[in-house]
Structures are given as structure tokens and as C-alpha cells.
N, C-alpha and C. Protein backbone atom coordinates (compact mmCIF):
# COMPACT_ATOMS: atom_id res chain seq x y z
N UNK A 1 80.16 22.73 202.43
CA UNK A 1 79.42 21.43 202.25
C UNK A 1 80.09 20.66 201.23
N UNK A 2 80.01 19.38 201.31
CA UNK A 2 80.56 18.40 200.47
C UNK A 2 79.77 18.33 199.23
N UNK A 3 80.40 17.73 198.18
CA UNK A 3 79.76 17.44 196.90
C UNK A 3 78.52 16.60 197.01
N UNK A 4 77.33 16.96 196.54
CA UNK A 4 76.28 16.20 196.71
C UNK A 4 76.31 14.67 196.10
N UNK A 5 75.78 13.78 196.79
CA UNK A 5 75.75 12.39 196.24
C UNK A 5 74.55 12.25 195.15
N UNK A 6 74.58 11.25 194.47
CA UNK A 6 73.59 11.01 193.42
C UNK A 6 72.13 11.10 194.07
N UNK A 7 71.96 10.45 195.20
CA UNK A 7 70.65 10.50 195.86
C UNK A 7 70.26 11.78 196.28
N UNK A 8 71.23 12.47 196.98
CA UNK A 8 70.87 13.88 197.41
C UNK A 8 70.50 14.70 196.32
N UNK A 9 71.16 14.70 195.11
CA UNK A 9 70.78 15.47 193.99
C UNK A 9 69.28 15.14 193.59
N UNK A 10 69.04 13.82 193.50
CA UNK A 10 67.76 13.30 193.08
C UNK A 10 66.63 13.98 194.02
N UNK A 11 66.79 13.85 195.29
CA UNK A 11 65.82 14.43 196.20
C UNK A 11 65.74 15.86 196.17
N UNK A 12 66.82 16.47 196.08
CA UNK A 12 66.80 18.02 196.04
C UNK A 12 65.98 18.54 194.79
N UNK A 13 66.30 17.82 193.73
CA UNK A 13 65.73 18.16 192.54
C UNK A 13 64.18 17.93 192.57
N UNK A 14 63.82 16.80 193.19
CA UNK A 14 62.38 16.47 193.38
C UNK A 14 61.64 17.54 194.21
N UNK A 15 62.32 17.98 195.28
CA UNK A 15 61.78 18.94 196.15
C UNK A 15 61.60 20.24 195.56
N UNK A 16 62.63 20.58 194.71
CA UNK A 16 62.54 21.88 193.89
C UNK A 16 61.45 21.86 192.92
N UNK A 17 61.38 20.68 192.14
CA UNK A 17 60.27 20.66 191.13
C UNK A 17 58.87 20.69 191.63
N UNK A 18 58.69 19.94 192.77
CA UNK A 18 57.30 19.83 193.38
C UNK A 18 57.00 21.23 193.92
N UNK A 19 57.87 21.93 194.48
CA UNK A 19 57.67 23.24 195.17
C UNK A 19 57.63 24.45 194.12
N UNK A 20 57.94 24.24 192.85
CA UNK A 20 58.07 25.37 191.95
C UNK A 20 56.73 26.11 191.82
N UNK A 21 55.62 25.51 191.90
CA UNK A 21 54.42 26.19 191.79
C UNK A 21 53.75 26.69 192.99
N UNK A 22 54.52 26.80 194.10
CA UNK A 22 54.06 27.15 195.38
C UNK A 22 53.39 26.11 196.16
N UNK A 23 53.49 24.85 195.60
CA UNK A 23 52.92 23.65 196.20
C UNK A 23 53.51 23.38 197.57
N UNK A 24 52.63 22.87 198.50
CA UNK A 24 53.29 22.39 199.77
C UNK A 24 53.98 21.08 199.53
N UNK A 25 55.13 21.00 200.05
CA UNK A 25 56.00 19.82 199.79
C UNK A 25 55.99 18.90 200.91
N UNK A 26 55.39 17.71 200.74
CA UNK A 26 55.25 16.66 201.75
C UNK A 26 56.20 15.49 201.39
N UNK A 27 56.66 14.78 202.26
CA UNK A 27 57.57 13.65 202.13
C UNK A 27 56.95 12.57 201.15
N UNK A 28 55.60 12.40 201.30
CA UNK A 28 54.94 11.41 200.51
C UNK A 28 55.01 11.74 198.88
N UNK A 29 54.91 13.11 198.71
CA UNK A 29 55.00 13.53 197.29
C UNK A 29 56.44 13.45 196.76
N UNK A 30 57.42 13.66 197.57
CA UNK A 30 58.79 13.48 197.24
C UNK A 30 59.05 11.99 196.93
N UNK A 31 58.54 11.12 197.78
CA UNK A 31 58.66 9.63 197.58
C UNK A 31 58.12 9.17 196.31
N UNK A 32 56.94 9.83 195.97
CA UNK A 32 56.28 9.39 194.73
C UNK A 32 57.08 9.92 193.52
N UNK A 33 57.54 11.23 193.49
CA UNK A 33 58.32 11.72 192.45
C UNK A 33 59.62 10.95 192.22
N UNK A 34 60.34 10.60 193.23
CA UNK A 34 61.57 9.89 193.14
C UNK A 34 61.44 8.50 192.89
N UNK A 35 60.26 7.94 193.30
CA UNK A 35 60.00 6.48 192.89
C UNK A 35 60.56 5.53 194.06
N UNK A 36 60.56 5.90 195.27
CA UNK A 36 61.17 5.11 196.38
C UNK A 36 60.05 5.09 197.56
N UNK A 37 60.25 4.40 198.54
CA UNK A 37 59.45 4.16 199.65
C UNK A 37 59.39 5.45 200.52
N UNK A 38 58.40 5.54 201.30
CA UNK A 38 58.35 6.64 202.17
C UNK A 38 59.46 6.57 203.30
N UNK A 39 59.76 5.35 203.63
CA UNK A 39 60.80 5.12 204.67
C UNK A 39 62.16 5.72 204.13
N UNK A 40 62.43 5.41 202.85
CA UNK A 40 63.71 5.85 202.16
C UNK A 40 63.72 7.33 202.18
N UNK A 41 62.57 7.85 201.82
CA UNK A 41 62.51 9.36 201.69
C UNK A 41 62.78 9.96 203.18
N UNK A 42 62.11 9.40 204.22
CA UNK A 42 62.28 9.97 205.55
C UNK A 42 63.74 9.89 205.93
N UNK A 43 64.33 8.81 205.55
CA UNK A 43 65.87 8.75 205.90
C UNK A 43 66.57 9.80 205.23
N UNK A 44 66.40 10.06 203.97
CA UNK A 44 67.15 11.05 203.18
C UNK A 44 66.66 12.52 203.77
N UNK A 45 65.51 12.70 204.19
CA UNK A 45 65.12 14.03 204.65
C UNK A 45 65.90 14.41 205.96
N UNK A 46 66.29 13.36 206.68
CA UNK A 46 67.03 13.55 207.87
C UNK A 46 68.45 13.96 207.47
N UNK A 47 68.96 13.29 206.47
CA UNK A 47 70.31 13.56 206.01
C UNK A 47 70.51 15.06 205.38
N UNK A 48 69.42 15.39 204.66
CA UNK A 48 69.45 16.62 203.90
C UNK A 48 69.24 17.76 205.06
N UNK A 49 68.48 17.48 206.04
CA UNK A 49 68.39 18.46 207.17
C UNK A 49 69.68 18.56 207.90
N UNK A 50 70.37 17.50 208.21
CA UNK A 50 71.63 17.60 208.87
C UNK A 50 72.68 18.18 207.98
N UNK A 51 72.62 18.11 206.65
CA UNK A 51 73.61 18.75 205.80
C UNK A 51 73.20 20.23 205.53
N UNK A 52 72.08 20.57 205.94
CA UNK A 52 71.68 22.04 205.88
C UNK A 52 71.09 22.45 204.54
N UNK A 53 70.48 21.46 203.82
CA UNK A 53 69.84 21.70 202.51
C UNK A 53 68.32 22.00 202.61
N UNK A 54 67.73 21.33 203.65
CA UNK A 54 66.28 21.49 203.81
C UNK A 54 65.97 21.74 205.32
N UNK A 55 64.77 22.31 205.53
CA UNK A 55 64.18 22.33 206.96
C UNK A 55 62.91 21.67 206.92
N UNK A 56 62.71 20.87 207.95
CA UNK A 56 61.45 19.93 207.97
C UNK A 56 61.10 19.75 209.43
N UNK A 57 59.92 20.12 209.74
CA UNK A 57 59.40 19.70 211.03
C UNK A 57 58.78 18.32 210.96
N UNK A 58 58.79 17.75 212.19
CA UNK A 58 58.31 16.29 212.23
C UNK A 58 56.85 16.29 211.68
N UNK A 59 56.74 15.47 210.67
CA UNK A 59 55.43 15.27 209.97
C UNK A 59 54.94 16.63 209.31
N UNK A 60 56.01 17.56 209.03
CA UNK A 60 55.59 18.90 208.46
C UNK A 60 56.05 19.04 207.00
N UNK A 61 55.83 20.20 206.45
CA UNK A 61 56.18 20.63 205.18
C UNK A 61 57.80 20.69 204.97
N UNK A 62 58.25 20.37 203.98
CA UNK A 62 59.61 20.47 203.67
C UNK A 62 59.95 21.83 202.96
N UNK A 63 61.00 22.50 203.35
CA UNK A 63 61.46 23.72 202.79
C UNK A 63 62.88 23.74 202.52
N UNK A 64 63.31 24.15 201.23
CA UNK A 64 64.75 24.19 200.95
C UNK A 64 65.30 25.40 201.69
N UNK A 65 66.55 25.27 202.19
CA UNK A 65 67.26 26.25 202.78
C UNK A 65 67.86 27.11 201.71
N UNK A 66 68.56 28.16 202.15
CA UNK A 66 69.31 28.95 201.02
C UNK A 66 70.23 28.13 200.25
N UNK A 67 71.04 27.35 200.93
CA UNK A 67 72.05 26.41 200.28
C UNK A 67 71.23 25.32 199.53
N UNK A 68 70.08 24.86 199.98
CA UNK A 68 69.29 23.91 199.24
C UNK A 68 68.82 24.48 198.03
N UNK A 69 68.27 25.67 198.11
CA UNK A 69 67.82 26.46 196.82
C UNK A 69 68.86 26.53 195.79
N UNK A 70 70.08 27.00 196.32
CA UNK A 70 71.20 27.12 195.49
C UNK A 70 71.63 25.97 194.69
N UNK A 71 71.77 24.83 195.51
CA UNK A 71 72.06 23.57 194.89
C UNK A 71 70.92 23.07 193.86
N UNK A 72 69.75 23.07 194.31
CA UNK A 72 68.57 22.55 193.47
C UNK A 72 68.46 23.51 192.26
N UNK A 73 68.69 24.76 192.34
CA UNK A 73 68.61 25.56 191.16
C UNK A 73 69.68 25.31 190.21
N UNK A 74 70.94 25.00 190.71
CA UNK A 74 72.05 24.65 189.79
C UNK A 74 71.68 23.27 189.11
N UNK A 75 71.00 22.38 189.78
CA UNK A 75 70.67 21.03 189.17
C UNK A 75 69.63 21.39 188.06
N UNK A 76 68.52 22.22 188.45
CA UNK A 76 67.57 22.48 187.53
C UNK A 76 68.04 23.26 186.27
N UNK A 77 69.00 24.25 186.36
CA UNK A 77 69.62 24.90 185.28
C UNK A 77 70.41 23.99 184.51
N UNK A 78 71.12 23.03 185.02
CA UNK A 78 71.79 22.07 184.25
C UNK A 78 70.93 21.22 183.43
N UNK A 79 69.85 20.81 184.05
CA UNK A 79 68.82 20.02 183.41
C UNK A 79 68.19 20.70 182.13
N UNK A 80 67.95 22.00 182.32
CA UNK A 80 67.45 22.77 181.20
C UNK A 80 68.53 22.81 180.08
N UNK A 81 69.72 23.03 180.44
CA UNK A 81 70.87 22.96 179.36
C UNK A 81 70.88 21.55 178.62
N UNK A 82 70.83 20.47 179.35
CA UNK A 82 70.92 19.23 178.76
C UNK A 82 69.67 18.90 178.02
N UNK A 83 68.50 19.33 178.56
CA UNK A 83 67.19 19.01 177.80
C UNK A 83 67.25 19.76 176.38
N UNK A 84 67.69 21.10 176.49
CA UNK A 84 67.81 21.77 175.18
C UNK A 84 68.61 21.17 174.21
N UNK A 85 69.72 20.59 174.74
CA UNK A 85 70.62 19.80 173.84
C UNK A 85 69.97 18.55 173.31
N UNK A 86 69.20 17.79 174.16
CA UNK A 86 68.64 16.54 173.65
C UNK A 86 67.59 16.87 172.66
N UNK A 87 66.79 18.00 172.93
CA UNK A 87 65.81 18.35 172.10
C UNK A 87 66.22 18.96 170.73
N UNK A 88 67.03 20.06 170.75
CA UNK A 88 67.43 20.74 169.57
C UNK A 88 68.57 20.16 168.78
N UNK A 89 69.47 19.54 169.41
CA UNK A 89 70.58 18.96 168.72
C UNK A 89 70.24 17.53 168.38
N UNK A 90 69.84 16.70 169.26
CA UNK A 90 69.50 15.32 168.99
C UNK A 90 68.07 14.97 168.53
N UNK A 91 67.22 15.90 168.60
CA UNK A 91 65.88 15.85 168.04
C UNK A 91 64.94 14.72 168.85
N UNK A 92 65.22 14.67 170.15
CA UNK A 92 64.35 13.91 171.06
C UNK A 92 63.16 14.72 171.29
N UNK A 93 61.96 13.92 171.52
CA UNK A 93 60.73 14.50 171.98
C UNK A 93 60.90 15.15 173.35
N UNK A 94 60.06 16.15 173.71
CA UNK A 94 60.07 16.93 174.80
C UNK A 94 60.04 16.13 176.11
N UNK A 95 59.13 15.05 176.15
CA UNK A 95 59.03 14.23 177.38
C UNK A 95 60.29 13.31 177.55
N UNK A 96 60.80 12.75 176.50
CA UNK A 96 62.00 11.99 176.66
C UNK A 96 63.20 12.84 177.10
N UNK A 97 63.42 14.01 176.49
CA UNK A 97 64.44 14.98 176.76
C UNK A 97 64.30 15.35 178.19
N UNK A 98 63.12 15.68 178.77
CA UNK A 98 62.93 16.12 180.07
C UNK A 98 63.35 15.02 181.07
N UNK A 99 62.94 13.76 180.88
CA UNK A 99 63.16 12.71 181.74
C UNK A 99 64.63 12.34 181.67
N UNK A 100 65.21 12.27 180.51
CA UNK A 100 66.76 11.84 180.33
C UNK A 100 67.57 12.95 180.91
N UNK A 101 67.19 14.24 180.78
CA UNK A 101 68.14 15.31 181.15
C UNK A 101 68.37 15.17 182.66
N UNK A 102 67.24 14.85 183.41
CA UNK A 102 67.34 14.67 184.92
C UNK A 102 68.27 13.54 185.22
N UNK A 103 68.23 12.39 184.47
CA UNK A 103 69.07 11.20 184.70
C UNK A 103 70.48 11.59 184.48
N UNK A 104 70.71 12.34 183.37
CA UNK A 104 72.10 12.78 183.05
C UNK A 104 72.73 13.61 184.04
N UNK A 105 71.97 14.69 184.43
CA UNK A 105 72.40 15.70 185.30
C UNK A 105 72.87 15.10 186.65
N UNK A 106 71.97 14.28 187.03
CA UNK A 106 72.13 13.73 188.43
C UNK A 106 73.38 12.90 188.54
N UNK A 107 73.76 12.26 187.36
CA UNK A 107 74.95 11.37 187.36
C UNK A 107 76.21 11.97 186.84
N UNK A 108 76.14 13.06 186.11
CA UNK A 108 77.26 13.78 185.49
C UNK A 108 77.94 14.62 186.37
N UNK A 109 79.24 14.80 186.05
CA UNK A 109 80.05 15.71 186.89
C UNK A 109 79.88 17.21 186.40
N UNK A 110 80.16 18.06 187.27
CA UNK A 110 80.02 19.56 186.90
C UNK A 110 80.75 19.85 185.71
N UNK A 111 81.96 19.25 185.57
CA UNK A 111 82.88 19.50 184.37
C UNK A 111 82.10 19.08 183.17
N UNK A 112 81.47 17.93 183.06
CA UNK A 112 80.74 17.56 181.92
C UNK A 112 79.58 18.51 181.62
N UNK A 113 78.83 18.83 182.65
CA UNK A 113 77.80 19.86 182.50
C UNK A 113 78.25 21.16 181.92
N UNK A 114 79.36 21.61 182.33
CA UNK A 114 79.92 22.81 181.91
C UNK A 114 80.31 22.76 180.42
N UNK A 115 80.85 21.59 180.02
CA UNK A 115 81.13 21.26 178.63
C UNK A 115 80.06 21.34 177.73
N UNK A 116 78.87 20.82 178.25
CA UNK A 116 77.52 20.85 177.57
C UNK A 116 77.13 22.27 177.27
N UNK A 117 77.25 23.07 178.27
CA UNK A 117 76.92 24.54 178.27
C UNK A 117 77.85 25.16 177.25
N UNK A 118 78.98 25.03 177.39
CA UNK A 118 80.00 25.66 176.40
C UNK A 118 79.82 25.24 174.98
N UNK A 119 79.41 24.09 174.70
CA UNK A 119 79.15 23.56 173.36
C UNK A 119 77.95 24.28 172.85
N UNK A 120 76.88 24.27 173.72
CA UNK A 120 75.70 24.98 173.26
C UNK A 120 75.82 26.49 173.00
N UNK A 121 76.61 27.14 173.88
CA UNK A 121 76.77 28.59 173.72
C UNK A 121 77.56 28.90 172.42
N UNK A 122 78.36 28.03 171.93
CA UNK A 122 79.13 28.34 170.66
C UNK A 122 78.20 28.17 169.42
N UNK A 123 77.10 27.44 169.55
CA UNK A 123 76.34 27.21 168.45
C UNK A 123 75.52 28.39 168.04
């Protein structure tokens, strides 16, 4: 599979976060979480299905595939690393650190995230 685009990361992260508590994942919830129209979400769901990251029946629940879970978990783990950095090193409040960590991870390269992790492990 190819490297995920910014948009794919954003949607996979949303699906992962919404479904963490065993919640049913619907396109409308993903659209709300990401902050885009239902039409944009529907279009991305098709792309994610074709790429093998999710399974979705027409008007049905969205489920991450094994590769989707792997990618989404990687994004989530990276967010946790960055959030800890923003809170513990930079002193940001929890809400700001959580929101900004997602923005950073979705836009940052894997190399940058690995450097963050390495820095924090040395401390």
C-alpha cells in the first residue's frame, strides 16, 4: 500500500477514535468529527475501501480492516507521543495538546515522529 495522504490519515484517525469505545461508526459521525460534508466523507470512504483500509456496506457501518487498524493505531500512537511532548515539555493544557497533536501527526513525516519519540525516550 502507498503512503497515506493527509486526508486519508485524518479519516482513518476519525474512524479509529469514534470506534474506540465500541461505538457503531457511521459516515455522518465521521463527517462531523473531521468537519467536512457527508458527500466528501462518502467519497473518501470509497477511496479507503478501494485501498483496503476499511469495509463499508452501502449505508452501513464502517469497519477498519487489519491494515486500516494498523495504520490508524500508528497514527494514534504518534498522537499520544506528540501530545505528551506538548503537555509535559511545552506545558500546554490537555485539550490544546490533544487537538494540536492530531494536526501535527497528520501533517508530519514518519521521520519527524520518530525523532519526537527518540527525544522523549532520552529524557
